[in-house]
Amino acid sequence: MPRGPTGDPWHNLASRPGFLIRRLHQIHLALFAEECAAFGVTPVQFSLLSVLAAQPGLDQTALAFAVGVDRATTANVVARLEKRALLGRRSGTTDKRVKQVELTAAGHRLLARIDSHAKRAHERTMETLRPAERAQFVAVLRRLVDAGNAHGRAPLLL
């Protein structure tokens, strides 16, 4: 790796927020995979299931925005979860082209079983921080996301 002005390649990368955010995301994905491997659910799938548990009947477009992923990815993930009978789609009441999505009983059961494992992955991601720092870290992340949200591919509705 080329050396930067300090002669230390890690120093140059470690001063870049984008690099650190990407690395932390990779670490969290690995921890989520460890904690939730038995369930065969990705973090995006878990997010979709969680949103649908809180807001049943969302259409796919609203679901995409709620989770912050593009509509094509959402449609693909919804189709895979539907194939596993974890959720179902039905045509909208006013517009038949709109697909409303709801958890099935199996989806609710899976979500109840996976929840503590997913929480453990989140805890492990931040276990180095003291409790007060964890709350502060999440608050700062939310502030950054809120401020830059319009620049994302699929802005979150926070």
N, C-alpha and C. Protein backbone atom coordinates (compact mmCIF):
# COMPACT_ATOMS: atom_id res chain seq x y z
N MET A 1 0.86 -1.18 0.00
CA MET A 1 0.00 0.00 0.00
C MET A 1 0.90 1.23 0.00
N PRO A 2 0.57 2.23 -0.82
CA PRO A 2 1.39 3.45 -0.83
C PRO A 2 1.33 4.16 0.51
N ARG A 3 2.45 4.72 0.87
CA ARG A 3 2.51 5.43 2.14
C ARG A 3 2.15 6.89 1.94
N GLY A 4 1.36 7.44 2.90
CA GLY A 4 0.96 8.83 2.85
C GLY A 4 2.01 9.72 3.47
N PRO A 5 1.67 10.98 3.68
CA PRO A 5 2.63 11.95 4.22
C PRO A 5 3.19 11.53 5.57
N THR A 6 2.43 10.77 6.35
CA THR A 6 2.92 10.37 7.67
C THR A 6 3.80 9.13 7.57
N GLY A 7 3.80 8.45 6.41
CA GLY A 7 4.52 7.21 6.26
C GLY A 7 3.72 6.03 6.78
N ASP A 8 2.56 6.25 7.31
CA ASP A 8 1.72 5.20 7.87
C ASP A 8 0.43 5.10 7.07
N PRO A 9 0.27 4.03 6.25
CA PRO A 9 -0.93 3.95 5.41
C PRO A 9 -2.22 3.87 6.24
N TRP A 10 -2.19 3.23 7.40
CA TRP A 10 -3.38 3.13 8.25
C TRP A 10 -3.81 4.51 8.75
N HIS A 11 -2.85 5.35 9.10
CA HIS A 11 -3.17 6.69 9.60
C HIS A 11 -4.01 7.46 8.58
N ASN A 12 -3.63 7.37 7.31
CA ASN A 12 -4.37 8.10 6.28
C ASN A 12 -5.80 7.58 6.16
N LEU A 13 -5.98 6.28 6.17
CA LEU A 13 -7.32 5.72 6.08
C LEU A 13 -8.12 5.98 7.36
N ALA A 14 -7.47 5.86 8.48
CA ALA A 14 -8.16 6.02 9.77
C ALA A 14 -8.62 7.44 10.02
N SER A 15 -8.19 8.36 9.20
CA SER A 15 -8.66 9.74 9.36
C SER A 15 -9.82 10.05 8.41
N ARG A 16 -10.26 9.06 7.65
CA ARG A 16 -11.35 9.25 6.68
C ARG A 16 -12.65 8.67 7.23
N PRO A 17 -13.64 9.52 7.51
CA PRO A 17 -14.89 9.01 8.08
C PRO A 17 -15.55 7.97 7.19
N GLY A 18 -15.52 8.16 5.88
CA GLY A 18 -16.16 7.19 4.99
C GLY A 18 -15.55 5.81 5.11
N PHE A 19 -14.22 5.76 5.19
CA PHE A 19 -13.53 4.48 5.35
C PHE A 19 -13.94 3.82 6.67
N LEU A 20 -13.93 4.60 7.74
CA LEU A 20 -14.27 4.04 9.06
C LEU A 20 -15.73 3.59 9.12
N ILE A 21 -16.62 4.34 8.51
CA ILE A 21 -18.03 3.96 8.49
C ILE A 21 -18.20 2.65 7.72
N ARG A 22 -17.52 2.53 6.58
CA ARG A 22 -17.59 1.30 5.79
C ARG A 22 -17.04 0.11 6.57
N ARG A 23 -15.92 0.31 7.25
CA ARG A 23 -15.32 -0.78 8.05
C ARG A 23 -16.24 -1.17 9.19
N LEU A 24 -16.83 -0.20 9.88
CA LEU A 24 -17.74 -0.52 10.97
C LEU A 24 -18.96 -1.28 10.44
N HIS A 25 -19.44 -0.88 9.28
CA HIS A 25 -20.56 -1.59 8.65
C HIS A 25 -20.18 -3.04 8.34
N GLN A 26 -18.98 -3.25 7.80
CA GLN A 26 -18.51 -4.60 7.52
C GLN A 26 -18.43 -5.43 8.81
N ILE A 27 -17.93 -4.81 9.86
CA ILE A 27 -17.83 -5.49 11.16
C ILE A 27 -19.21 -5.86 11.67
N HIS A 28 -20.15 -4.91 11.59
CA HIS A 28 -21.50 -5.19 12.06
C HIS A 28 -22.15 -6.30 11.24
N LEU A 29 -21.96 -6.30 9.93
CA LEU A 29 -22.53 -7.36 9.10
C LEU A 29 -21.99 -8.72 9.52
N ALA A 30 -20.70 -8.80 9.82
CA ALA A 30 -20.11 -10.06 10.26
C ALA A 30 -20.69 -10.50 11.60
N LEU A 31 -20.87 -9.56 12.52
CA LEU A 31 -21.44 -9.88 13.83
C LEU A 31 -22.91 -10.30 13.69
N PHE A 32 -23.65 -9.62 12.83
CA PHE A 32 -25.05 -9.98 12.58
C PHE A 32 -25.11 -11.39 12.00
N ALA A 33 -24.24 -11.68 11.05
CA ALA A 33 -24.21 -13.02 10.45
C ALA A 33 -23.92 -14.09 11.50
N GLU A 34 -22.99 -13.82 12.40
CA GLU A 34 -22.69 -14.77 13.48
C GLU A 34 -23.89 -14.99 14.38
N GLU A 35 -24.49 -13.91 14.82
CA GLU A 35 -25.58 -13.99 15.78
C GLU A 35 -26.87 -14.55 15.17
N CYS A 36 -27.09 -14.30 13.89
CA CYS A 36 -28.38 -14.63 13.26
C CYS A 36 -28.27 -15.70 12.18
N ALA A 37 -27.15 -16.40 12.11
CA ALA A 37 -26.93 -17.38 11.05
C ALA A 37 -28.03 -18.44 10.99
N ALA A 38 -28.50 -18.87 12.12
CA ALA A 38 -29.51 -19.94 12.17
C ALA A 38 -30.83 -19.55 11.52
N PHE A 39 -31.06 -18.26 11.35
CA PHE A 39 -32.34 -17.79 10.84
C PHE A 39 -32.34 -17.52 9.33
N GLY A 40 -31.15 -17.46 8.73
CA GLY A 40 -31.06 -17.22 7.29
C GLY A 40 -31.64 -15.89 6.86
N VAL A 41 -31.42 -14.86 7.69
CA VAL A 41 -31.97 -13.53 7.43
C VAL A 41 -30.82 -12.53 7.39
N THR A 42 -30.83 -11.68 6.37
CA THR A 42 -29.83 -10.62 6.26
C THR A 42 -30.28 -9.41 7.07
N PRO A 43 -29.37 -8.47 7.33
CA PRO A 43 -29.78 -7.25 8.03
C PRO A 43 -30.88 -6.47 7.29
N VAL A 44 -30.83 -6.42 5.97
CA VAL A 44 -31.87 -5.71 5.23
C VAL A 44 -33.20 -6.44 5.38
N GLN A 45 -33.18 -7.76 5.31
CA GLN A 45 -34.41 -8.53 5.50
C GLN A 45 -34.97 -8.31 6.90
N PHE A 46 -34.09 -8.32 7.88
CA PHE A 46 -34.51 -8.08 9.27
C PHE A 46 -35.15 -6.69 9.40
N SER A 47 -34.55 -5.69 8.75
CA SER A 47 -35.10 -4.34 8.79
C SER A 47 -36.49 -4.29 8.16
N LEU A 48 -36.65 -4.93 7.00
CA LEU A 48 -37.96 -4.95 6.35
C LEU A 48 -39.00 -5.63 7.24
N LEU A 49 -38.63 -6.76 7.80
CA LEU A 49 -39.57 -7.48 8.67
C LEU A 49 -39.93 -6.62 9.88
N SER A 50 -38.96 -5.95 10.45
CA SER A 50 -39.20 -5.11 11.63
C SER A 50 -40.13 -3.96 11.31
N VAL A 51 -39.92 -3.31 10.16
CA VAL A 51 -40.78 -2.20 9.77
C VAL A 51 -42.20 -2.70 9.54
N LEU A 52 -42.34 -3.85 8.89
CA LEU A 52 -43.68 -4.38 8.62
C LEU A 52 -44.40 -4.80 9.90
N ALA A 53 -43.65 -5.24 10.89
CA ALA A 53 -44.28 -5.57 12.17
C ALA A 53 -44.86 -4.32 12.82
N ALA A 54 -44.16 -3.21 12.67
CA ALA A 54 -44.60 -1.95 13.26
C ALA A 54 -45.65 -1.24 12.40
N GLN A 55 -45.58 -1.44 11.08
CA GLN A 55 -46.48 -0.74 10.15
C GLN A 55 -47.02 -1.72 9.11
N PRO A 56 -47.91 -2.60 9.50
CA PRO A 56 -48.42 -3.59 8.56
C PRO A 56 -49.17 -2.93 7.40
N GLY A 57 -49.03 -3.55 6.23
CA GLY A 57 -49.77 -3.08 5.07
C GLY A 57 -49.11 -1.97 4.29
N LEU A 58 -47.86 -1.63 4.61
CA LEU A 58 -47.17 -0.61 3.81
C LEU A 58 -47.06 -1.10 2.37
N ASP A 59 -47.08 -0.16 1.44
CA ASP A 59 -46.82 -0.57 0.07
C ASP A 59 -45.30 -0.66 -0.10
N GLN A 60 -44.86 -1.32 -1.16
CA GLN A 60 -43.44 -1.57 -1.35
C GLN A 60 -42.62 -0.30 -1.46
N THR A 61 -43.16 0.74 -2.05
CA THR A 61 -42.43 2.00 -2.18
C THR A 61 -42.21 2.63 -0.80
N ALA A 62 -43.25 2.67 0.01
CA ALA A 62 -43.12 3.22 1.37
C ALA A 62 -42.16 2.37 2.19
N LEU A 63 -42.21 1.06 2.01
CA LEU A 63 -41.31 0.16 2.72
C LEU A 63 -39.86 0.43 2.33
N ALA A 64 -39.62 0.64 1.04
CA ALA A 64 -38.26 0.94 0.56
C ALA A 64 -37.73 2.20 1.22
N PHE A 65 -38.55 3.25 1.26
CA PHE A 65 -38.12 4.50 1.87
C PHE A 65 -37.92 4.34 3.37
N ALA A 66 -38.78 3.57 4.02
CA ALA A 66 -38.67 3.40 5.47
C ALA A 66 -37.36 2.73 5.86
N VAL A 67 -36.88 1.83 5.01
CA VAL A 67 -35.65 1.09 5.31
C VAL A 67 -34.43 1.76 4.68
N GLY A 68 -34.65 2.61 3.69
CA GLY A 68 -33.53 3.32 3.07
C GLY A 68 -32.83 2.51 2.00
N VAL A 69 -33.59 1.66 1.29
CA VAL A 69 -33.02 0.94 0.16
C VAL A 69 -33.86 1.27 -1.07
N ASP A 70 -33.29 1.05 -2.24
CA ASP A 70 -34.01 1.39 -3.46
C ASP A 70 -35.17 0.43 -3.69
N ARG A 71 -36.09 0.85 -4.54
CA ARG A 71 -37.31 0.07 -4.77
C ARG A 71 -37.02 -1.28 -5.41
N ALA A 72 -36.05 -1.34 -6.32
CA ALA A 72 -35.73 -2.61 -6.98
C ALA A 72 -35.21 -3.62 -5.96
N THR A 73 -34.32 -3.18 -5.08
CA THR A 73 -33.80 -4.07 -4.04
C THR A 73 -34.93 -4.52 -3.12
N THR A 74 -35.80 -3.59 -2.76
CA THR A 74 -36.92 -3.93 -1.90
C THR A 74 -37.81 -4.98 -2.55
N ALA A 75 -38.12 -4.80 -3.82
CA ALA A 75 -38.96 -5.77 -4.53
C ALA A 75 -38.31 -7.15 -4.53
N ASN A 76 -37.00 -7.19 -4.72
CA ASN A 76 -36.27 -8.46 -4.73
C ASN A 76 -36.30 -9.11 -3.35
N VAL A 77 -36.05 -8.32 -2.30
CA VAL A 77 -36.04 -8.85 -0.94
C VAL A 77 -37.44 -9.31 -0.54
N VAL A 78 -38.45 -8.52 -0.88
CA VAL A 78 -39.83 -8.89 -0.57
C VAL A 78 -40.19 -10.21 -1.26
N ALA A 79 -39.78 -10.38 -2.51
CA ALA A 79 -40.07 -11.62 -3.24
C ALA A 79 -39.42 -12.82 -2.55
N ARG A 80 -38.18 -12.65 -2.08
CA ARG A 80 -37.51 -13.76 -1.40
C ARG A 80 -38.19 -14.09 -0.07
N LEU A 81 -38.59 -13.06 0.67
CA LEU A 81 -39.28 -13.30 1.94
C LEU A 81 -40.67 -13.89 1.72
N GLU A 82 -41.31 -13.48 0.64
CA GLU A 82 -42.62 -14.05 0.30
C GLU A 82 -42.48 -15.53 -0.05
N LYS A 83 -41.41 -15.87 -0.78
CA LYS A 83 -41.14 -17.26 -1.15
C LYS A 83 -40.96 -18.13 0.09
N ARG A 84 -40.41 -17.54 1.15
CA ARG A 84 -40.22 -18.26 2.42
C ARG A 84 -41.47 -18.20 3.30
N ALA A 85 -42.53 -17.61 2.78
CA ALA A 85 -43.82 -17.49 3.48
C ALA A 85 -43.71 -16.64 4.75
N LEU A 86 -42.77 -15.68 4.76
CA LEU A 86 -42.60 -14.80 5.91
C LEU A 86 -43.42 -13.53 5.76
N LEU A 87 -43.82 -13.24 4.54
CA LEU A 87 -44.71 -12.11 4.30
C LEU A 87 -45.55 -12.39 3.08
N GLY A 88 -46.58 -11.59 2.94
CA GLY A 88 -47.47 -11.72 1.79
C GLY A 88 -47.73 -10.37 1.18
N ARG A 89 -48.06 -10.38 -0.10
CA ARG A 89 -48.38 -9.16 -0.82
C ARG A 89 -49.80 -9.26 -1.34
N ARG A 90 -50.46 -8.11 -1.34
CA ARG A 90 -51.80 -8.05 -1.93
C ARG A 90 -51.92 -6.72 -2.65
N SER A 91 -52.81 -6.69 -3.60
CA SER A 91 -53.04 -5.46 -4.35
C SER A 91 -53.69 -4.43 -3.45
N GLY A 92 -53.36 -3.18 -3.69
CA GLY A 92 -53.92 -2.08 -2.92
C GLY A 92 -55.42 -1.97 -3.13
N THR A 93 -56.09 -1.36 -2.18
CA THR A 93 -57.55 -1.24 -2.28
C THR A 93 -57.98 -0.21 -3.30
N THR A 94 -57.22 0.87 -3.46
CA THR A 94 -57.60 1.91 -4.42
C THR A 94 -56.85 1.80 -5.73
N ASP A 95 -55.64 1.27 -5.70
CA ASP A 95 -54.84 1.12 -6.91
C ASP A 95 -54.30 -0.31 -6.94
N LYS A 96 -54.81 -1.12 -7.83
CA LYS A 96 -54.45 -2.54 -7.90
C LYS A 96 -52.98 -2.76 -8.27
N ARG A 97 -52.32 -1.75 -8.82
CA ARG A 97 -50.91 -1.89 -9.18
C ARG A 97 -50.01 -1.80 -7.95
N VAL A 98 -50.51 -1.16 -6.91
CA VAL A 98 -49.74 -1.00 -5.67
C VAL A 98 -49.79 -2.30 -4.89
N LYS A 99 -48.63 -2.75 -4.43
CA LYS A 99 -48.56 -3.98 -3.65
C LYS A 99 -48.34 -3.63 -2.18
N GLN A 100 -49.32 -3.99 -1.37
CA GLN A 100 -49.19 -3.80 0.08
C GLN A 100 -48.60 -5.07 0.67
N VAL A 101 -47.76 -4.90 1.67
CA VAL A 101 -46.99 -6.02 2.22
C VAL A 101 -47.32 -6.17 3.70
N GLU A 102 -47.51 -7.43 4.12
CA GLU A 102 -47.78 -7.72 5.53
C GLU A 102 -47.02 -8.96 5.95
N LEU A 103 -46.63 -9.00 7.20
CA LEU A 103 -46.02 -10.21 7.75
C LEU A 103 -47.06 -11.31 7.84
N THR A 104 -46.61 -12.52 7.61
CA THR A 104 -47.46 -13.68 7.86
C THR A 104 -47.26 -14.09 9.32
N ALA A 105 -48.01 -15.08 9.77
CA ALA A 105 -47.81 -15.60 11.12
C ALA A 105 -46.39 -16.14 11.27
N ALA A 106 -45.88 -16.79 10.22
CA ALA A 106 -44.51 -17.30 10.25
C ALA A 106 -43.50 -16.15 10.34
N GLY A 107 -43.79 -15.05 9.66
CA GLY A 107 -42.92 -13.87 9.74
C GLY A 107 -42.88 -13.28 11.13
N HIS A 108 -44.04 -13.21 11.77
CA HIS A 108 -44.10 -12.71 13.16
C HIS A 108 -43.32 -13.64 14.09
N ARG A 109 -43.47 -14.95 13.90
CA ARG A 109 -42.75 -15.91 14.76
C ARG A 109 -41.24 -15.79 14.57
N LEU A 110 -40.81 -15.68 13.31
CA LEU A 110 -39.37 -15.54 13.04
C LEU A 110 -38.83 -14.27 13.67
N LEU A 111 -39.56 -13.19 13.52
CA LEU A 111 -39.11 -11.92 14.07
C LEU A 111 -38.99 -12.00 15.59
N ALA A 112 -39.92 -12.65 16.22
CA ALA A 112 -39.86 -12.82 17.69
C ALA A 112 -38.66 -13.65 18.09
N ARG A 113 -38.32 -14.67 17.30
CA ARG A 113 -37.19 -15.54 17.63
C ARG A 113 -35.84 -14.88 17.36
N ILE A 114 -35.76 -14.08 16.30
CA ILE A 114 -34.48 -13.49 15.90
C ILE A 114 -34.15 -12.22 16.67
N ASP A 115 -35.16 -11.57 17.22
CA ASP A 115 -34.98 -10.25 17.81
C ASP A 115 -33.83 -10.18 18.82
N SER A 116 -33.77 -11.08 19.76
CA SER A 116 -32.71 -11.02 20.78
C SER A 116 -31.33 -11.26 20.16
N HIS A 117 -31.27 -12.08 19.12
CA HIS A 117 -30.00 -12.34 18.44
C HIS A 117 -29.52 -11.09 17.69
N ALA A 118 -30.45 -10.41 17.03
CA ALA A 118 -30.09 -9.17 16.32
C ALA A 118 -29.65 -8.10 17.32
N LYS A 119 -30.36 -8.02 18.44
CA LYS A 119 -29.96 -7.05 19.47
C LYS A 119 -28.55 -7.34 19.96
N ARG A 120 -28.24 -8.62 20.09
CA ARG A 120 -26.89 -9.00 20.53
C ARG A 120 -25.85 -8.54 19.51
N ALA A 121 -26.15 -8.64 18.23
CA ALA A 121 -25.22 -8.16 17.20
C ALA A 121 -25.00 -6.66 17.34
N HIS A 122 -26.10 -5.92 17.60
CA HIS A 122 -25.96 -4.47 17.79
C HIS A 122 -25.14 -4.16 19.04
N GLU A 123 -25.39 -4.91 20.11
CA GLU A 123 -24.62 -4.70 21.34
C GLU A 123 -23.14 -5.00 21.12
N ARG A 124 -22.85 -6.08 20.41
CA ARG A 124 -21.46 -6.44 20.15
C ARG A 124 -20.76 -5.39 19.28
N THR A 125 -21.51 -4.79 18.36
CA THR A 125 -20.94 -3.75 17.51
C THR A 125 -20.42 -2.59 18.36
N MET A 126 -21.12 -2.29 19.44
CA MET A 126 -20.77 -1.12 20.24
C MET A 126 -20.25 -1.47 21.63
N GLU A 127 -19.92 -2.71 21.88
CA GLU A 127 -19.55 -3.12 23.24
C GLU A 127 -18.30 -2.43 23.78
N THR A 128 -17.44 -1.92 22.91
CA THR A 128 -16.24 -1.21 23.36
C THR A 128 -16.60 0.13 24.02
N LEU A 129 -17.74 0.68 23.63
CA LEU A 129 -18.16 1.98 24.17
C LEU A 129 -18.86 1.82 25.51
N ARG A 130 -18.68 2.80 26.38
CA ARG A 130 -19.43 2.83 27.63
C ARG A 130 -20.90 3.15 27.30
N PRO A 131 -21.84 2.79 28.17
CA PRO A 131 -23.27 3.02 27.88
C PRO A 131 -23.59 4.46 27.46
N ALA A 132 -23.04 5.43 28.13
CA ALA A 132 -23.31 6.83 27.76
C ALA A 132 -22.76 7.14 26.37
N GLU A 133 -21.61 6.57 26.05
CA GLU A 133 -21.02 6.78 24.73
C GLU A 133 -21.87 6.14 23.65
N ARG A 134 -22.47 5.00 23.95
CA ARG A 134 -23.32 4.31 22.97
C ARG A 134 -24.50 5.20 22.59
N ALA A 135 -25.15 5.76 23.59
CA ALA A 135 -26.29 6.65 23.32
C ALA A 135 -25.83 7.87 22.53
N GLN A 136 -24.70 8.40 22.90
CA GLN A 136 -24.16 9.58 22.20
C GLN A 136 -23.79 9.21 20.76
N PHE A 137 -23.18 8.06 20.57
CA PHE A 137 -22.79 7.60 19.24
C PHE A 137 -24.01 7.48 18.33
N VAL A 138 -25.07 6.85 18.83
CA VAL A 138 -26.30 6.70 18.04
C VAL A 138 -26.91 8.07 17.74
N ALA A 139 -26.89 8.96 18.71
CA ALA A 139 -27.43 10.31 18.49
C ALA A 139 -26.64 11.04 17.41
N VAL A 140 -25.33 10.92 17.42
CA VAL A 140 -24.50 11.57 16.41
C VAL A 140 -24.74 10.93 15.03
N LEU A 141 -24.85 9.61 14.99
CA LEU A 141 -25.14 8.95 13.72
C LEU A 141 -26.48 9.43 13.15
N ARG A 142 -27.49 9.50 14.00
CA ARG A 142 -28.81 9.99 13.54
C ARG A 142 -28.70 11.40 13.00
N ARG A 143 -27.94 12.23 13.68
CA ARG A 143 -27.77 13.62 13.24
C ARG A 143 -27.10 13.67 11.87
N LEU A 144 -26.07 12.86 11.67
CA LEU A 144 -25.39 12.81 10.38
C LEU A 144 -26.33 12.29 9.28
N VAL A 145 -27.10 11.26 9.60
CA VAL A 145 -28.03 10.71 8.61
C VAL A 145 -29.12 11.73 8.30
N ASP A 146 -29.68 12.35 9.32
CA ASP A 146 -30.71 13.37 9.10
C ASP A 146 -30.18 14.50 8.21
N ALA A 147 -28.96 14.95 8.48
CA ALA A 147 -28.39 16.08 7.74
C ALA A 147 -28.06 15.72 6.29
N GLY A 148 -27.65 14.48 6.06
CA GLY A 148 -27.24 14.09 4.72
C GLY A 148 -28.23 13.19 4.01
N ASN A 149 -29.37 12.99 4.61
CA ASN A 149 -30.34 12.03 4.12
C ASN A 149 -30.74 12.24 2.66
N ALA A 150 -30.87 13.46 2.24
CA ALA A 150 -31.31 13.74 0.87
C ALA A 150 -30.31 13.27 -0.18
N HIS A 151 -29.08 13.00 0.23
CA HIS A 151 -28.06 12.58 -0.71
C HIS A 151 -28.03 11.08 -0.93
N GLY A 152 -28.78 10.34 -0.12
CA GLY A 152 -28.80 8.88 -0.25
C GLY A 152 -29.66 8.44 -1.42
N ARG A 153 -29.44 7.21 -1.86
CA ARG A 153 -30.23 6.66 -2.97
C ARG A 153 -31.69 6.56 -2.61
N ALA A 154 -31.95 6.21 -1.37
CA ALA A 154 -33.33 6.05 -0.92
C ALA A 154 -33.43 6.69 0.46
N PRO A 155 -33.75 7.96 0.51
CA PRO A 155 -33.78 8.65 1.80
C PRO A 155 -34.69 7.97 2.82
N LEU A 156 -34.21 7.91 4.03
CA LEU A 156 -35.01 7.36 5.13
C LEU A 156 -36.03 8.38 5.59
N LEU A 157 -37.13 7.90 6.05
CA LEU A 157 -38.16 8.77 6.63
C LEU A 157 -38.04 8.67 8.15
N LEU A 158 -37.11 9.38 8.72
CA LEU A 158 -36.87 9.29 10.17
C LEU A 158 -37.76 10.24 10.92
